[in-house]
């Protein structure tokens, strides 16, 4: 009986552990491609979209953004663009990749690692906006971010907006390490003045790149993300980024083991091992383990005739891949005195070792026999200057990033011409909005802006709405359309703050619900708003004045709703999907321009 009970307890503990492991995989980060559809879909609606992506361009459920966009009938997926390794990530490092026609979608798949590494005018023809959605690994020499840089530069030439859908930096946003890229050594394996480990996301890098480029750039941030997160903290599934980066251990080991190009010091087992001929693996491990490098243990191991070490990462948050790589090279040189590759004076004679290092100084330090600590001290001043510079381009901080929903709604409405800011350039989202101001919003939302001038001097049914006043035309038109009503004493009270119940009522009337709803006001309108998820996760008192930020949020939410029509009995009989307010606004903008 005791044995059975013990076995049951072991099983129960294992079951709990399995459950805990499964729970830990629930994503806490919402990717930029998901936030795009949540809050910024209007940026691509009605557009011919070009997508720069590969097999990593998936949402948190693993669904390809290619498929998501192809299924979206509100836009046209016009072209795909693939970086090194191709759009499926299968080509070997450095392998030439051809362009072709997508067999299922029938659209061009342009290679940005074949005849050209920059999208050409022909490739961009007919594209209204470019989306970029590729997972990086946080290393300057990994070429996906170089492709982003080139795409931004070419988009600038042809006045095409670029939208970067942000993703986590797998090795985190805290560790910034390694020698700085000098201008002379900039190339496709180091496209800007960055250290080896930049500690930035794709979106942050795009903002940094844009200081030189000046493209029409938009970054759609992740939500829930913090600088301290490594990829394991996000709960997101890992998708291999290239043939040799199959998992996170390879991604973390990339800078630690892959810096020895041309030295005879090489990586093996997909960046889990580093060594070379003439190296005593036991001594190599002793030197590295004695250096006090955090988050990693080095196990002596031969690879054929080469001696080296296998990396066992013990703490992914403190492990510093770039620093580890510098130490490994310095100790390896002390053991086998490898020949350091040297660049010539011309751009064509710069060796790959210096391109990866971003400078020829590391090679000089190795030849001089400097210790890794001395090498660190030499590149520290330039690195510290970069750490200061990069703060201007960072998006995320120590607290989980939360999207400013009111701000996002305000931006959308402003871009569509629904609202205007104050002369000082602010929107004062904490302030209230008056009944007259919201009458104007209602008219514009309904696509009737061009009719307002005719109503300005016409007689009004309201004794306090005077002909010729700034709001007369808007109130008259809103009343004629059935969006607003007055008070029993014949007034409209245009300067009175509008309440939450009134805002919701006007918005539902714009959608066509009018006063056919069952029940007494305002409960019937509030219930319908809740049913439509119009008020989802919003807190307010229905009778109290509603601040502008929440008014704009509610208003923004109805843009993609379908209108409804009623039969003679007052029952909904038709939903007109083609007449969404967003489409009406676009048409009304054309009429008034």
Protein backbone atom coordinates (compact mmCIF):
# COMPACT_ATOMS: atom_id res chain seq x y z
CA UNK A 1 0.00 0.00 0.00
CA UNK A 2 2.83 2.39 0.90
CA UNK A 3 4.56 1.56 -2.39
CA UNK A 4 1.33 2.29 -4.35
CA UNK A 5 0.84 5.54 -2.44
CA UNK A 6 4.44 6.60 -3.07
CA UNK A 7 4.05 5.84 -6.75
CA UNK A 8 0.84 7.89 -6.85
CA UNK A 9 2.58 10.83 -5.15
CA UNK A 10 5.43 10.73 -7.65
CA UNK A 11 2.89 10.63 -10.49
CA UNK A 12 0.94 13.53 -8.92
CA UNK A 13 4.10 15.64 -8.56
CA UNK A 14 5.08 14.94 -12.17
CA UNK A 15 1.56 15.86 -13.26
CA UNK A 16 1.80 19.16 -11.40
CA UNK A 17 5.18 19.85 -12.95
CA UNK A 18 3.80 19.10 -16.41
CA UNK A 19 0.88 21.42 -15.77
CA UNK A 20 3.19 24.16 -14.54
CA UNK A 21 5.33 23.77 -17.64
CA UNK A 22 2.29 24.05 -19.88
CA UNK A 23 1.06 27.16 -18.06
CA UNK A 24 4.46 28.76 -18.42
CA UNK A 25 4.10 28.51 -22.20
CA UNK A 26 1.07 30.83 -22.27
CA UNK A 27 2.32 33.93 -24.08
CA UNK A 28 2.60 37.04 -21.93
CA UNK A 29 3.76 39.07 -24.92
CA UNK A 30 1.49 40.07 -27.76
CA UNK A 31 3.47 40.38 -30.97
CA UNK A 32 3.50 43.41 -33.22
CA UNK A 33 1.71 41.48 -35.97
CA UNK A 34 -1.16 40.79 -33.54
CA UNK A 35 -1.28 44.37 -32.27
CA UNK A 36 -1.48 45.48 -35.92
CA UNK A 37 -4.81 43.70 -36.31
CA UNK A 38 -6.00 44.66 -32.82
CA UNK A 39 -5.42 48.40 -33.06
CA UNK A 40 -3.78 49.49 -36.32
CA UNK A 41 -5.52 47.55 -39.05
CA UNK A 42 -6.53 50.83 -40.69
CA UNK A 43 -2.88 51.31 -41.70
CA UNK A 44 -3.17 48.44 -44.19
CA UNK A 45 -6.88 48.36 -44.96
CA UNK A 46 -7.56 49.05 -48.62
CA UNK A 47 -3.83 48.90 -49.42
CA UNK A 48 -1.63 46.82 -51.69
CA UNK A 49 0.72 45.29 -49.14
CA UNK A 50 4.27 44.06 -49.62
CA UNK A 51 5.48 41.74 -46.85
CA UNK A 52 9.14 41.20 -45.95
CA UNK A 53 9.16 37.97 -43.97
CA UNK A 54 10.26 34.35 -43.68
CA UNK A 55 9.22 31.27 -41.74
CA UNK A 56 9.53 33.19 -38.44
CA UNK A 57 6.76 35.62 -39.41
CA UNK A 58 4.02 33.92 -37.40
CA UNK A 59 1.66 35.02 -34.64
CA UNK A 60 1.68 33.65 -31.09
CA UNK A 61 -0.33 30.62 -32.24
CA UNK A 62 2.15 29.84 -35.00
CA UNK A 63 -0.05 31.03 -37.87
CA UNK A 64 1.85 32.58 -40.78
CA UNK A 65 1.30 36.28 -41.40
CA UNK A 66 1.38 35.43 -45.11
CA UNK A 67 -1.77 33.33 -44.67
CA UNK A 68 -3.41 35.91 -42.39
CA UNK A 69 -2.91 38.71 -44.90
CA UNK A 70 -3.88 36.54 -47.87
CA UNK A 71 -7.21 35.76 -46.16
CA UNK A 72 -7.91 39.42 -45.36
CA UNK A 73 -10.38 40.59 -48.01
CA UNK A 74 -9.99 44.25 -46.99
CA UNK A 75 -6.50 44.45 -48.55
CA UNK A 76 -4.37 42.98 -51.31
CA UNK A 77 -1.24 40.99 -50.50
CA UNK A 78 0.75 42.10 -53.54
CA UNK A 79 4.26 40.72 -53.03
CA UNK A 80 6.54 38.84 -50.66
CA UNK A 81 10.23 39.54 -50.01
CA UNK A 82 12.61 37.01 -48.45
CA UNK A 83 15.96 37.68 -46.69
CA UNK A 84 19.02 35.43 -46.48
CA UNK A 85 18.06 31.73 -46.31
CA UNK A 86 14.89 32.45 -48.32
CA UNK A 87 11.30 32.96 -47.32
CA UNK A 88 11.16 29.42 -45.90
CA UNK A 89 14.53 29.72 -44.12
CA UNK A 90 15.88 26.56 -45.73
CA UNK A 91 18.80 27.85 -47.84
CA UNK A 92 22.29 27.51 -46.39
CA UNK A 93 24.20 30.52 -45.07
CA UNK A 94 25.45 32.63 -47.97
CA UNK A 95 23.56 30.57 -50.57
CA UNK A 96 22.11 32.41 -53.58
CA UNK A 97 18.30 32.51 -53.46
CA UNK A 98 16.15 32.92 -56.58
CA UNK A 99 12.95 34.92 -56.91
CA UNK A 100 9.83 32.99 -57.98
CA UNK A 101 6.03 33.05 -58.07
CA UNK A 102 4.23 31.76 -55.00
CA UNK A 103 2.63 28.46 -56.10
CA UNK A 104 -0.55 28.91 -54.06
CA UNK A 105 -1.05 32.69 -53.98
CA UNK A 106 0.23 33.47 -57.46
CA UNK A 107 2.14 36.56 -56.29
CA UNK A 108 5.86 37.29 -56.68
CA UNK A 109 8.27 36.15 -53.99
CA UNK A 110 11.25 38.45 -54.44
CA UNK A 111 14.63 37.33 -53.14
CA UNK A 112 16.64 39.93 -51.25
CA UNK A 113 19.59 37.55 -51.20
CA UNK A 114 20.03 36.81 -54.89
CA UNK A 115 20.63 39.21 -57.76
CA UNK A 116 20.09 42.07 -55.32
CA UNK A 117 19.95 42.60 -51.59
CA UNK A 118 17.83 45.72 -51.96
CA UNK A 119 14.27 45.80 -53.31
CA UNK A 120 14.33 47.40 -56.76
CA UNK A 121 11.84 49.82 -58.30
CA UNK A 122 10.35 46.90 -60.26
CA UNK A 123 9.95 44.85 -57.07
CA UNK A 124 8.16 47.73 -55.34
CA UNK A 125 5.92 48.66 -58.25
CA UNK A 126 2.26 48.85 -57.22
CA UNK A 127 2.98 48.41 -53.48
CA UNK A 128 1.35 50.96 -51.17
CA UNK A 129 2.97 49.90 -47.91
CA UNK A 130 5.73 47.50 -46.79
CA UNK A 131 5.38 45.32 -43.71
CA UNK A 132 8.46 43.81 -42.05
CA UNK A 133 7.98 40.78 -39.79
CA UNK A 134 11.11 38.69 -39.17
CA UNK A 135 12.55 37.31 -35.93
CA UNK A 136 16.09 38.55 -35.18
CA UNK A 137 18.55 36.97 -32.71
CA UNK A 138 20.11 40.15 -31.31
CA UNK A 139 23.51 39.98 -33.05
CA UNK A 140 24.84 42.76 -35.27
CA UNK A 141 26.22 40.29 -37.82
CA UNK A 142 22.92 38.43 -38.30
CA UNK A 143 21.75 39.74 -41.66
CA UNK A 144 17.99 40.00 -41.20
CA UNK A 145 18.31 43.45 -39.68
CA UNK A 146 20.62 44.46 -42.54
CA UNK A 147 17.76 43.56 -44.86
CA UNK A 148 15.48 45.79 -42.79
CA UNK A 149 17.96 48.64 -43.20
CA UNK A 150 18.14 48.19 -46.97
CA UNK A 151 14.35 47.92 -47.27
CA UNK A 152 13.91 51.18 -45.36
CA UNK A 153 16.46 52.95 -47.54
CA UNK A 154 14.80 51.84 -50.79
CA UNK A 155 11.29 52.56 -49.50
CA UNK A 156 12.45 56.09 -48.76
CA UNK A 157 13.49 56.52 -52.41
CA UNK A 158 10.04 55.53 -53.68
CA UNK A 159 7.95 57.19 -50.91
CA UNK A 160 6.58 53.90 -49.60
CA UNK A 161 5.75 53.71 -45.87
CA UNK A 162 7.44 50.93 -43.86
CA UNK A 163 5.67 49.27 -40.93
CA UNK A 164 7.86 47.13 -38.65
CA UNK A 165 5.93 44.55 -36.65
CA UNK A 166 8.01 44.21 -33.52
CA UNK A 167 9.33 41.01 -31.96
CA UNK A 168 11.44 40.18 -28.90
CA UNK A 169 15.22 40.28 -28.85
CA UNK A 170 15.85 36.64 -27.83
CA UNK A 171 18.92 37.44 -25.70
CA UNK A 172 17.17 40.37 -24.02
CA UNK A 173 17.27 44.12 -24.06
CA UNK A 174 19.72 44.67 -21.22
CA UNK A 175 23.07 43.23 -22.36
CA UNK A 176 24.84 45.62 -24.74
CA UNK A 177 28.33 44.38 -25.48
CA UNK A 178 31.30 44.17 -27.82
CA UNK A 179 33.34 46.43 -30.06
CA UNK A 180 31.53 49.17 -31.98
CA UNK A 181 31.14 49.11 -35.75
CA UNK A 182 33.38 51.71 -37.40
CA UNK A 183 32.27 53.34 -40.65
CA UNK A 184 35.05 51.80 -42.72
CA UNK A 185 33.91 48.27 -41.89
CA UNK A 186 30.16 48.70 -42.46
CA UNK A 187 28.84 45.92 -44.70
CA UNK A 188 25.90 43.56 -44.99
CA UNK A 189 27.13 41.70 -41.89
CA UNK A 190 27.26 44.95 -39.94
CA UNK A 191 25.06 47.61 -41.47
CA UNK A 192 25.28 50.45 -38.94
CA UNK A 193 27.29 51.78 -35.99
CA UNK A 194 26.22 49.13 -33.49
CA UNK A 195 28.08 46.98 -30.97
CA UNK A 196 28.18 43.25 -31.44
CA UNK A 197 25.20 42.75 -29.07
CA UNK A 198 22.91 45.77 -29.37
CA UNK A 199 20.16 44.79 -26.92
CA UNK A 200 17.42 46.21 -29.18
CA UNK A 201 14.31 44.82 -30.84
CA UNK A 202 13.71 45.03 -34.59
CA UNK A 203 11.45 48.03 -34.02
CA UNK A 204 14.02 49.83 -31.90
CA UNK A 205 16.73 49.10 -34.46
CA UNK A 206 14.49 50.47 -37.21
CA UNK A 207 14.11 53.71 -35.25
CA UNK A 208 17.90 53.80 -34.79
CA UNK A 209 18.53 53.13 -38.50
CA UNK A 210 16.08 55.85 -39.43
CA UNK A 211 18.26 58.59 -37.92
CA UNK A 212 20.31 58.24 -41.11
CA UNK A 213 17.61 57.10 -43.55
CA UNK A 214 14.56 59.28 -42.86
CA UNK A 215 12.00 56.78 -44.15
CA UNK A 216 8.26 57.01 -43.49
CA UNK A 217 8.58 54.52 -40.64
CA UNK A 218 6.00 53.12 -38.26
CA UNK A 219 6.77 50.56 -35.54
CA UNK A 220 3.89 48.49 -34.18
CA UNK A 221 5.10 47.57 -30.68
CA UNK A 222 4.54 44.41 -28.72
CA UNK A 223 2.48 44.58 -25.56
CA UNK A 224 3.53 42.95 -22.29
CA UNK A 225 7.23 43.12 -23.21
CA UNK A 226 10.02 44.40 -20.94
CA UNK A 227 13.74 44.98 -21.49
CA UNK A 228 14.62 42.30 -18.94
CA UNK A 229 12.89 39.53 -20.86
CA UNK A 230 14.81 36.85 -22.67
CA UNK A 231 12.81 34.82 -25.17
CA UNK A 232 11.94 32.13 -22.64
CA UNK A 233 10.08 34.73 -20.55
CA UNK A 234 7.70 35.66 -23.37
CA UNK A 235 5.87 32.32 -23.52
CA UNK A 236 6.05 32.51 -27.32
CA UNK A 237 6.91 29.45 -29.43
CA UNK A 238 10.40 29.51 -30.92
CA UNK A 239 10.63 29.10 -34.70
CA UNK A 240 14.04 28.26 -36.18
CA UNK A 241 15.44 31.43 -37.67
CA UNK A 242 17.93 29.75 -40.04
CA UNK A 243 19.33 26.26 -40.67
CA UNK A 244 21.94 26.55 -37.88
CA UNK A 245 19.70 28.40 -35.40
CA UNK A 246 17.23 25.64 -34.67
CA UNK A 247 16.66 26.44 -31.02
CA UNK A 248 17.37 29.01 -28.32
CA UNK A 249 20.67 27.47 -27.25
CA UNK A 250 21.95 28.05 -30.78
CA UNK A 251 20.63 31.62 -30.77
CA UNK A 252 22.35 32.35 -27.46
CA UNK A 253 25.56 30.64 -28.56
CA UNK A 254 25.84 32.46 -31.90
CA UNK A 255 28.00 35.39 -30.74
CA UNK A 256 29.85 33.30 -28.17
CA UNK A 257 31.16 30.77 -30.68
CA UNK A 258 30.87 32.29 -34.15
CA UNK A 259 33.34 35.20 -34.11
CA UNK A 260 36.48 33.44 -35.33
CA UNK A 261 36.02 33.77 -39.10
CA UNK A 262 39.38 33.20 -40.79
CA UNK A 263 41.30 32.44 -37.59
CA UNK A 264 40.91 28.67 -37.51
CA UNK A 265 38.79 29.01 -34.38
CA UNK A 266 35.37 27.69 -35.37
CA UNK A 267 31.97 26.77 -34.02
CA UNK A 268 30.37 23.35 -34.20
CA UNK A 269 27.12 21.64 -33.30
CA UNK A 270 25.09 24.72 -34.25
CA UNK A 271 26.98 27.22 -32.10
CA UNK A 272 27.16 25.04 -28.98
CA UNK A 273 30.91 24.33 -29.27
CA UNK A 274 33.99 26.41 -30.02
CA UNK A 275 37.61 25.37 -30.54
CA UNK A 276 40.38 24.77 -33.03
CA UNK A 277 43.43 22.71 -33.84
CA UNK A 278 46.37 22.95 -31.49
CA UNK A 279 44.15 23.80 -28.52
CA UNK A 280 44.23 21.74 -25.37
CA UNK A 281 40.58 21.41 -24.49
CA UNK A 282 41.21 20.94 -20.75
CA UNK A 283 43.33 24.09 -20.52
CA UNK A 284 40.84 26.02 -22.65
CA UNK A 285 38.00 25.03 -20.32
CA UNK A 286 40.11 25.93 -17.26
CA UNK A 287 40.84 29.43 -18.59
CA UNK A 288 37.23 30.12 -19.54
CA UNK A 289 35.72 28.72 -16.33
CA UNK A 290 38.28 30.70 -14.31
CA UNK A 291 37.28 34.00 -15.97
CA UNK A 292 34.07 34.27 -13.98
CA UNK A 293 31.83 34.68 -17.02
CA UNK A 294 28.24 34.62 -15.72
CA UNK A 295 25.53 32.16 -16.70
CA UNK A 296 27.71 29.59 -18.47
CA UNK A 297 29.94 26.58 -17.80
CA UNK A 298 32.54 25.32 -20.29
CA UNK A 299 33.00 21.57 -20.70
CA UNK A 300 36.24 20.31 -22.36
CA UNK A 301 35.49 18.39 -25.53
CA UNK A 302 37.31 17.38 -28.72
CA UNK A 303 35.79 17.74 -32.17
CA UNK A 304 37.79 15.53 -34.47
CA UNK A 305 41.41 16.73 -34.22
CA UNK A 306 40.41 20.08 -32.70
CA UNK A 307 40.29 20.79 -29.00
CA UNK A 308 37.56 22.97 -27.62
CA UNK A 309 34.74 23.45 -25.16
CA UNK A 310 31.00 22.86 -25.14
CA UNK A 311 28.91 25.67 -23.71
CA UNK A 312 26.37 24.79 -21.06
CA UNK A 313 24.26 27.87 -20.39
CA UNK A 314 23.08 27.89 -16.79
CA UNK A 315 21.39 31.30 -16.62
CA UNK A 316 20.08 32.79 -19.86
CA UNK A 317 19.43 36.19 -18.26
CA UNK A 318 22.99 36.82 -17.10
CA UNK A 319 24.81 35.01 -19.91
CA UNK A 320 26.61 37.57 -22.11
CA UNK A 321 27.22 35.96 -25.54
CA UNK A 322 29.34 38.72 -27.11
CA UNK A 323 31.60 39.11 -24.08
CA UNK A 324 31.98 35.33 -23.92
CA UNK A 325 33.02 35.26 -27.59
CA UNK A 326 35.77 37.85 -27.03
CA UNK A 327 37.11 35.87 -24.05
CA UNK A 328 37.04 32.63 -26.05
CA UNK A 329 39.05 34.15 -28.90
CA UNK A 330 41.61 35.75 -26.59
CA UNK A 331 42.19 32.54 -24.65
CA UNK A 332 42.30 30.47 -27.85
CA UNK A 333 45.05 32.74 -29.26
CA UNK A 334 47.03 32.34 -26.05
CA UNK A 335 46.90 28.56 -26.55
CA UNK A 336 47.62 28.05 -30.27
CA UNK A 337 48.84 31.47 -31.48
CA UNK A 338 46.56 31.47 -34.54
CA UNK A 339 47.25 33.88 -37.39
CA UNK A 340 45.06 36.97 -37.17
CA UNK A 341 43.44 37.91 -40.52
CA UNK A 342 44.38 41.42 -41.68
CA UNK A 343 42.47 43.88 -43.86
CA UNK A 344 44.10 45.89 -46.62
CA UNK A 345 43.64 49.59 -47.25
CA UNK A 346 40.88 49.30 -49.84
CA UNK A 347 37.24 48.45 -49.18
CA UNK A 348 37.61 45.33 -51.35
CA UNK A 349 40.42 44.00 -49.16
CA UNK A 350 38.60 44.12 -45.82
CA UNK A 351 38.57 40.61 -44.35
CA UNK A 352 35.43 38.99 -42.95
CA UNK A 353 36.97 38.82 -39.46
CA UNK A 354 37.13 42.62 -39.30
CA UNK A 355 33.67 43.01 -40.82
CA UNK A 356 32.23 40.83 -38.08
CA UNK A 357 34.21 42.64 -35.39
CA UNK A 358 33.31 46.00 -36.90
CA UNK A 359 36.91 47.12 -36.56
CA UNK A 360 40.49 45.95 -37.12
CA UNK A 361 41.44 46.84 -33.56
CA UNK A 362 40.37 43.51 -32.07
CA UNK A 363 42.79 41.74 -34.39
CA UNK A 364 45.54 44.14 -33.31
CA UNK A 365 44.78 43.51 -29.63
CA UNK A 366 44.94 39.74 -30.19
CA UNK A 367 48.31 40.07 -31.94
CA UNK A 368 49.56 42.17 -29.04
CA UNK A 369 48.61 39.37 -26.65
CA UNK A 370 46.20 41.53 -24.63
CA UNK A 371 44.06 39.76 -22.07
CA UNK A 372 40.29 39.68 -22.66
CA UNK A 373 39.90 42.12 -19.76
CA UNK A 374 42.25 44.57 -21.47
CA UNK A 375 40.38 44.20 -24.76
CA UNK A 376 37.12 44.93 -22.94
CA UNK A 377 38.58 48.05 -21.36
CA UNK A 378 39.75 49.29 -24.77
CA UNK A 379 36.34 49.09 -26.46
CA UNK A 380 34.38 50.25 -23.38
CA UNK A 381 34.47 54.06 -24.05
CA UNK A 382 32.87 53.78 -27.50
CA UNK A 383 30.40 51.20 -26.20
CA UNK A 384 29.35 53.49 -23.36
CA UNK A 385 28.74 56.32 -25.82
CA UNK A 386 26.45 54.04 -27.81
CA UNK A 387 24.52 53.06 -24.67
CA UNK A 388 23.72 56.73 -24.16
CA UNK A 389 22.84 57.30 -27.81
CA UNK A 390 20.51 54.35 -28.10
CA UNK A 391 18.20 55.54 -25.30
CA UNK A 392 16.55 57.95 -27.76
CA UNK A 393 15.36 55.02 -29.88
CA UNK A 394 14.17 52.57 -27.21
CA UNK A 395 10.49 51.68 -26.96
CA UNK A 396 10.37 49.38 -23.94
CA UNK A 397 11.31 49.87 -20.30
CA UNK A 398 11.34 47.89 -17.09
CA UNK A 399 7.55 47.66 -16.76
CA UNK A 400 5.48 45.55 -19.19
CA UNK A 401 4.71 47.62 -22.27
CA UNK A 402 1.03 48.51 -22.52
CA UNK A 403 -0.52 50.03 -25.60
CA UNK A 404 -2.10 53.42 -24.99
CA UNK A 405 -5.50 52.50 -26.40
CA UNK A 406 -6.91 56.01 -26.06
CA UNK A 407 -3.82 57.39 -27.77
CA UNK A 408 -4.04 54.84 -30.58
CA UNK A 409 -7.73 55.62 -31.16
CA UNK A 410 -7.01 59.35 -31.12
CA UNK A 411 -4.26 58.96 -33.67
CA UNK A 412 -6.51 56.98 -36.00
CA UNK A 413 -9.39 59.45 -35.76
CA UNK A 414 -7.03 62.37 -36.28
CA UNK A 415 -5.50 60.71 -39.34
CA UNK A 416 -8.98 60.22 -40.81
CA UNK A 417 -9.94 63.83 -40.15
CA UNK A 418 -12.62 62.97 -37.58
CA UNK A 419 -11.09 65.06 -34.80
CA UNK A 420 -8.74 68.02 -34.55
CA UNK A 421 -6.13 68.82 -31.93
CA UNK A 422 -5.70 72.02 -29.97
CA UNK A 423 -3.47 74.82 -31.30
CA UNK A 424 -0.67 73.67 -29.00
CA UNK A 425 -0.59 70.26 -30.74
CA UNK A 426 -2.22 68.32 -27.87
CA UNK A 427 -5.56 66.48 -27.62
CA UNK A 428 -6.08 66.86 -23.84
CA UNK A 429 -7.47 63.37 -23.50
CA UNK A 430 -8.29 63.85 -19.81
CA UNK A 431 -10.63 66.76 -20.58
CA UNK A 432 -14.32 66.42 -21.38
CA UNK A 433 -16.06 66.93 -24.72
CA UNK A 434 -19.19 69.00 -25.26
CA UNK A 435 -22.43 67.98 -26.92
CA UNK A 436 -21.76 70.33 -29.83
CA UNK A 437 -18.24 69.00 -30.32
CA UNK A 438 -19.53 65.43 -30.40
CA UNK A 439 -22.29 66.39 -32.86
CA UNK A 440 -19.49 67.40 -35.21
CA UNK A 441 -17.69 64.09 -34.63
CA UNK A 442 -20.92 62.20 -35.35
CA UNK A 443 -21.48 63.97 -38.66
CA UNK A 444 -17.92 63.35 -39.83
CA UNK A 445 -18.05 59.71 -38.71
CA UNK A 446 -21.17 59.25 -40.84
CA UNK A 447 -19.30 60.54 -43.89
CA UNK A 448 -21.46 63.68 -44.15
CA UNK A 449 -18.83 66.36 -43.61
CA UNK A 450 -19.36 67.86 -47.08
CA UNK A 451 -23.00 68.70 -46.24
CA UNK A 452 -22.25 70.83 -43.18
CA UNK A 453 -21.60 74.22 -44.90
CA UNK A 454 -25.19 74.29 -46.22
CA UNK A 455 -26.56 73.99 -42.68
CA UNK A 456 -24.64 76.80 -40.99
CA UNK A 457 -27.11 79.64 -41.49
CA UNK A 458 -30.35 77.68 -41.61
CA UNK A 459 -32.93 78.02 -38.83
CA UNK A 460 -32.45 75.68 -35.89
CA UNK A 461 -35.04 73.89 -33.80
CA UNK A 462 -32.98 74.66 -30.72
CA UNK A 463 -33.21 78.07 -29.09
CA UNK A 464 -29.58 77.97 -27.92
CA UNK A 465 -28.08 76.98 -31.29
CA UNK A 466 -27.76 80.29 -33.13
CA UNK A 467 -27.39 80.49 -36.93
CA UNK A 468 -23.82 81.35 -37.86
CA UNK A 469 -22.29 79.88 -34.68
CA UNK A 470 -19.40 77.46 -35.22
CA UNK A 471 -21.56 74.51 -34.21
CA UNK A 472 -24.87 75.42 -35.91
CA UNK A 473 -24.28 73.40 -39.08
CA UNK A 474 -22.98 70.35 -37.21
CA UNK A 475 -25.85 70.27 -34.70
CA UNK A 476 -28.51 70.85 -37.38
CA UNK A 477 -27.13 68.05 -39.56
CA UNK A 478 -26.69 65.64 -36.63
CA UNK A 479 -30.29 66.30 -35.61
CA UNK A 480 -31.62 65.81 -39.15
CA UNK A 481 -29.83 62.46 -39.33
CA UNK A 482 -31.36 61.35 -36.04
CA UNK A 483 -28.01 61.13 -34.24
CA UNK A 484 -28.82 63.69 -31.52
CA UNK A 485 -31.90 65.08 -29.81
CA UNK A 486 -32.68 68.11 -27.65
CA UNK A 487 -34.28 68.72 -24.28
CA UNK A 488 -38.02 69.23 -23.55
CA UNK A 489 -37.45 72.98 -23.00
CA UNK A 490 -36.34 73.40 -26.62
CA UNK A 491 -32.63 73.67 -25.86
CA UNK A 492 -29.69 71.59 -27.06
CA UNK A 493 -27.17 72.79 -24.46
CA UNK A 494 -24.25 72.73 -26.93
CA UNK A 495 -21.64 73.71 -24.36
CA UNK A 496 -22.66 71.07 -21.82
CA UNK A 497 -20.32 68.09 -21.41
CA UNK A 498 -21.67 64.96 -23.04
CA UNK A 499 -22.25 61.92 -20.82
CA UNK A 500 -21.13 58.35 -21.45
CA UNK A 501 -24.71 57.20 -22.08
CA UNK A 502 -25.20 59.98 -24.64
CA UNK A 503 -21.95 59.14 -26.46
CA UNK A 504 -22.92 55.47 -26.69
CA UNK A 505 -26.43 56.37 -27.88
CA UNK A 506 -25.14 58.64 -30.65
CA UNK A 507 -22.61 56.04 -31.82
CA UNK A 508 -25.23 53.29 -32.01
CA UNK A 509 -27.58 55.61 -33.90
CA UNK A 510 -24.81 56.24 -36.42
CA UNK A 511 -24.60 52.48 -36.88
CA UNK A 512 -28.34 52.39 -37.60
CA UNK A 513 -29.80 51.14 -34.33
CA UNK A 514 -31.81 54.34 -33.82
CA UNK A 515 -34.61 53.95 -31.25
CA UNK A 516 -35.83 50.49 -32.18
CA UNK A 517 -34.05 48.91 -29.22
CA UNK A 518 -36.24 47.20 -26.65
CA UNK A 519 -36.39 48.75 -23.19
CA UNK A 520 -35.99 52.18 -21.65
CA UNK A 521 -33.17 54.61 -22.31
CA UNK A 522 -30.28 54.53 -21.49
CA UNK A 523 -30.31 50.89 -20.40
CA UNK A 524 -31.33 49.61 -23.83
CA UNK A 525 -28.44 51.39 -25.54
CA UNK A 526 -25.94 50.40 -22.86
CA UNK A 527 -27.02 46.76 -23.13
CA UNK A 528 -26.64 46.79 -26.91
CA UNK A 529 -23.19 48.40 -26.59
CA UNK A 530 -22.12 45.65 -24.18
CA UNK A 531 -23.51 42.99 -26.54
CA UNK A 532 -21.44 44.43 -29.38
CA UNK A 533 -18.34 44.62 -27.12
CA UNK A 534 -18.27 48.35 -27.75
CA UNK A 535 -17.67 49.02 -24.05
CA UNK A 536 -15.43 45.98 -23.44
CA UNK A 537 -12.88 46.57 -20.64
CA UNK A 538 -13.94 50.20 -20.24
CA UNK A 539 -14.91 51.74 -16.92
CA UNK A 540 -17.29 54.71 -16.77
CA UNK A 541 -20.42 56.05 -15.10
CA UNK A 542 -23.20 56.25 -17.68
CA UNK A 543 -24.60 59.55 -16.37
CA UNK A 544 -21.24 61.26 -15.85
CA UNK A 545 -19.30 63.33 -18.38
CA UNK A 546 -16.86 61.16 -20.33
CA UNK A 547 -13.28 62.27 -20.84
CA UNK A 548 -12.09 62.80 -24.39
CA UNK A 549 -9.74 59.81 -24.42
CA UNK A 550 -12.57 57.37 -23.71
CA UNK A 551 -14.88 59.17 -26.13
CA UNK A 552 -12.28 58.67 -28.85
CA UNK A 553 -11.83 55.01 -27.90
CA UNK A 554 -15.55 54.32 -28.21
CA UNK A 555 -15.76 56.27 -31.45
CA UNK A 556 -12.81 54.43 -32.95
CA UNK A 557 -14.32 51.06 -32.11
CA UNK A 558 -17.33 51.52 -34.38
CA UNK A 559 -15.28 52.29 -37.50
CA UNK A 560 -15.28 48.71 -38.73
CA UNK A 561 -18.80 47.85 -37.59
CA UNK A 562 -21.48 47.01 -40.16
CA UNK A 563 -24.53 49.23 -40.39
CA UNK A 564 -27.97 47.74 -39.72
CA UNK A 565 -31.41 48.34 -41.24
CA UNK A 566 -34.87 47.71 -39.79
CA UNK A 567 -38.10 46.41 -41.22
CA UNK A 568 -41.52 47.97 -40.61
CA UNK A 569 -41.88 46.10 -37.34
CA UNK A 570 -38.64 47.54 -36.03
CA UNK A 571 -36.62 44.32 -36.30
CA UNK A 572 -33.13 44.17 -37.81
CA UNK A 573 -33.43 42.60 -41.24
CA UNK A 574 -30.15 43.46 -42.93
CA UNK A 575 -26.50 44.12 -42.11
CA UNK A 576 -24.72 46.07 -44.82
CA UNK A 577 -21.14 44.88 -44.55
CA UNK A 578 -19.99 47.03 -47.43
CA UNK A 579 -20.97 50.26 -45.68
CA UNK A 580 -18.55 50.24 -42.75
CA UNK A 581 -17.87 53.70 -41.39
CA UNK A 582 -14.21 53.35 -42.28
CA UNK A 583 -15.02 52.94 -45.97
CA UNK A 584 -17.52 55.79 -45.83
CA UNK A 585 -14.93 58.05 -44.24
CA UNK A 586 -12.42 57.25 -46.95
CA UNK A 587 -15.00 58.07 -49.62
CA UNK A 588 -16.06 61.29 -47.89
CA UNK A 589 -12.43 62.37 -47.65
CA UNK A 590 -12.12 62.00 -51.43
CA UNK A 591 -15.21 64.15 -51.91
CA UNK A 592 -14.00 66.96 -49.68
CA UNK A 593 -10.44 67.15 -51.00
